[in-house]
Amino acid sequence: MPPRTPVEEIVAGVFAQVLGIRRVGRGDDFFALGGNSLVATQVVSRLGEALGARIPVRALFDAPTVEALAVRVEQATGTGTRPQLARRARPERIPLSPANSACGSSTASTPRLR
């Protein structure tokens, strides 16, 4: 059955693109078509870009058909927007991160090898 909604069309198109298949229907299962966990990351990344959504890879495992994933994606649409970065004044003293602090203290007490 062909996709019914614009989001189903986008999901089906992404499935077809990443799997190298000509047509993907509304009831087609991503994993039954040959998808795997590595390709699933590409799918959610492309859907996120196309629809401005943050879609966890888990969503594809929980809803592997075009129709079911489209419902999940519609719920997440608009959640991928990031706040715009703004320039801030540089502080006079920049504190070390905990990791940098740990590096400095561990090397200061370690004797040098000759």
Protein backbone atom coordinates (compact mmCIF):
# COMPACT_ATOMS: atom_id res chain seq x y z
CA MET A 1 0.00 0.00 0.00
CA PRO A 2 1.42 3.41 -0.89
CA PRO A 3 2.03 6.08 1.75
CA ARG A 4 -1.03 8.19 2.63
CA THR A 5 0.41 11.24 4.35
CA PRO A 6 3.29 13.58 3.53
CA VAL A 7 5.26 12.29 6.53
CA GLU A 8 4.70 8.67 5.43
CA GLU A 9 6.01 9.67 1.99
CA ILE A 10 9.15 11.15 3.55
CA VAL A 11 9.70 8.08 5.75
CA ALA A 12 9.17 5.74 2.79
CA GLY A 13 11.53 7.83 0.67
CA VAL A 14 14.27 7.69 3.29
CA PHE A 15 13.82 3.92 3.69
CA ALA A 16 14.07 3.49 -0.09
CA GLN A 17 17.10 5.76 -0.33
CA VAL A 18 19.20 4.17 2.42
CA LEU A 19 18.22 0.61 1.50
CA GLY A 20 18.57 1.07 -2.27
CA ILE A 21 15.00 -0.05 -2.98
CA ARG A 22 12.74 1.46 -5.63
CA ARG A 23 9.42 1.43 -3.73
CA VAL A 24 8.55 1.19 -0.08
CA GLY A 25 4.95 0.89 1.05
CA ARG A 26 3.16 2.05 4.16
CA GLY A 27 3.21 -1.39 5.79
CA ASP A 28 6.79 -2.29 4.89
CA ASP A 29 9.09 -3.14 7.80
CA PHE A 30 12.53 -1.53 7.74
CA PHE A 31 14.30 -4.62 9.11
CA ALA A 32 12.40 -7.06 6.87
CA LEU A 33 13.59 -4.98 3.90
CA GLY A 34 17.21 -5.55 4.93
CA GLY A 35 17.80 -2.68 7.34
CA ASN A 36 20.12 -3.01 10.31
CA SER A 37 21.14 -0.96 13.32
CA LEU A 38 23.89 0.90 11.45
CA VAL A 39 21.57 1.94 8.65
CA ALA A 40 18.91 2.82 11.24
CA THR A 41 21.14 5.64 12.46
CA GLN A 42 21.21 7.05 8.93
CA VAL A 43 17.43 6.84 8.71
CA VAL A 44 16.77 8.76 11.91
CA SER A 45 19.44 11.32 11.04
CA ARG A 46 17.93 11.99 7.61
CA LEU A 47 14.40 12.11 8.98
CA GLY A 48 15.52 14.49 11.70
CA GLU A 49 17.09 16.82 9.14
CA ALA A 50 14.11 16.67 6.80
CA LEU A 51 11.51 17.28 9.49
CA GLY A 52 13.31 19.29 12.14
CA ALA A 53 12.92 16.56 14.72
CA ARG A 54 15.04 14.67 17.20
CA ILE A 55 14.22 11.04 16.61
CA PRO A 56 15.95 8.43 18.75
CA VAL A 57 17.15 5.28 16.99
CA ARG A 58 15.01 3.34 19.46
CA ALA A 59 11.91 4.77 17.74
CA LEU A 60 12.76 2.83 14.58
CA PHE A 61 13.18 -0.39 16.55
CA ASP A 62 9.86 0.17 18.32
CA ALA A 63 8.01 1.27 15.17
CA PRO A 64 9.77 -0.34 12.18
CA THR A 65 7.03 0.14 9.58
CA VAL A 66 6.63 3.30 7.53
CA GLU A 67 3.17 3.91 8.97
CA ALA A 68 4.17 3.38 12.62
CA LEU A 69 7.38 5.39 12.36
CA ALA A 70 5.53 8.24 10.63
CA VAL A 71 3.26 8.53 13.67
CA ARG A 72 6.30 8.73 15.98
CA VAL A 73 8.01 11.24 13.71
CA GLU A 74 4.91 13.45 13.58
CA GLN A 75 4.91 13.56 17.39
CA ALA A 76 8.57 14.61 17.40
CA THR A 77 8.40 17.15 14.56
CA GLY A 78 9.74 20.51 15.64
CA THR A 79 11.69 19.11 18.59
CA GLY A 80 15.04 19.24 16.81
CA THR A 81 15.48 22.97 16.78
CA ARG A 82 18.55 24.15 18.58
CA PRO A 83 18.93 27.50 20.27
CA GLN A 84 20.96 29.97 18.29
CA LEU A 85 24.49 30.47 19.58
CA ALA A 86 25.19 33.94 20.90
CA ARG A 87 28.52 35.65 21.43
CA ARG A 88 29.37 36.26 25.08
CA ALA A 89 32.13 38.22 26.76
CA ARG A 90 35.17 36.13 27.56
CA PRO A 91 35.76 35.88 31.31
CA GLU A 92 39.09 37.05 32.68
CA ARG A 93 39.86 33.66 34.20
CA ILE A 94 38.69 30.50 32.44
CA PRO A 95 38.31 27.63 34.91
CA LEU A 96 39.68 24.21 34.10
CA SER A 97 37.27 21.39 33.47
CA PRO A 98 37.33 18.47 35.95
CA ALA A 99 39.19 16.40 33.35
CA ASN A 100 41.85 19.07 32.85
CA SER A 101 42.19 19.55 36.59
CA ALA A 102 42.74 15.83 37.04
CA CYS A 103 45.41 15.76 34.33
CA GLY A 104 47.31 18.61 35.90
CA SER A 105 47.31 17.15 39.37
CA SER A 106 48.25 13.63 38.30
CA THR A 107 51.21 14.74 36.15
CA ALA A 108 52.52 17.18 38.77
CA SER A 109 52.98 14.41 41.33
CA THR A 110 54.36 11.84 38.90
CA PRO A 111 58.16 11.73 38.69
CA ARG A 112 59.64 12.16 35.23
CA LEU A 113 61.33 9.16 33.66
CA ARG A 114 64.79 9.68 32.27
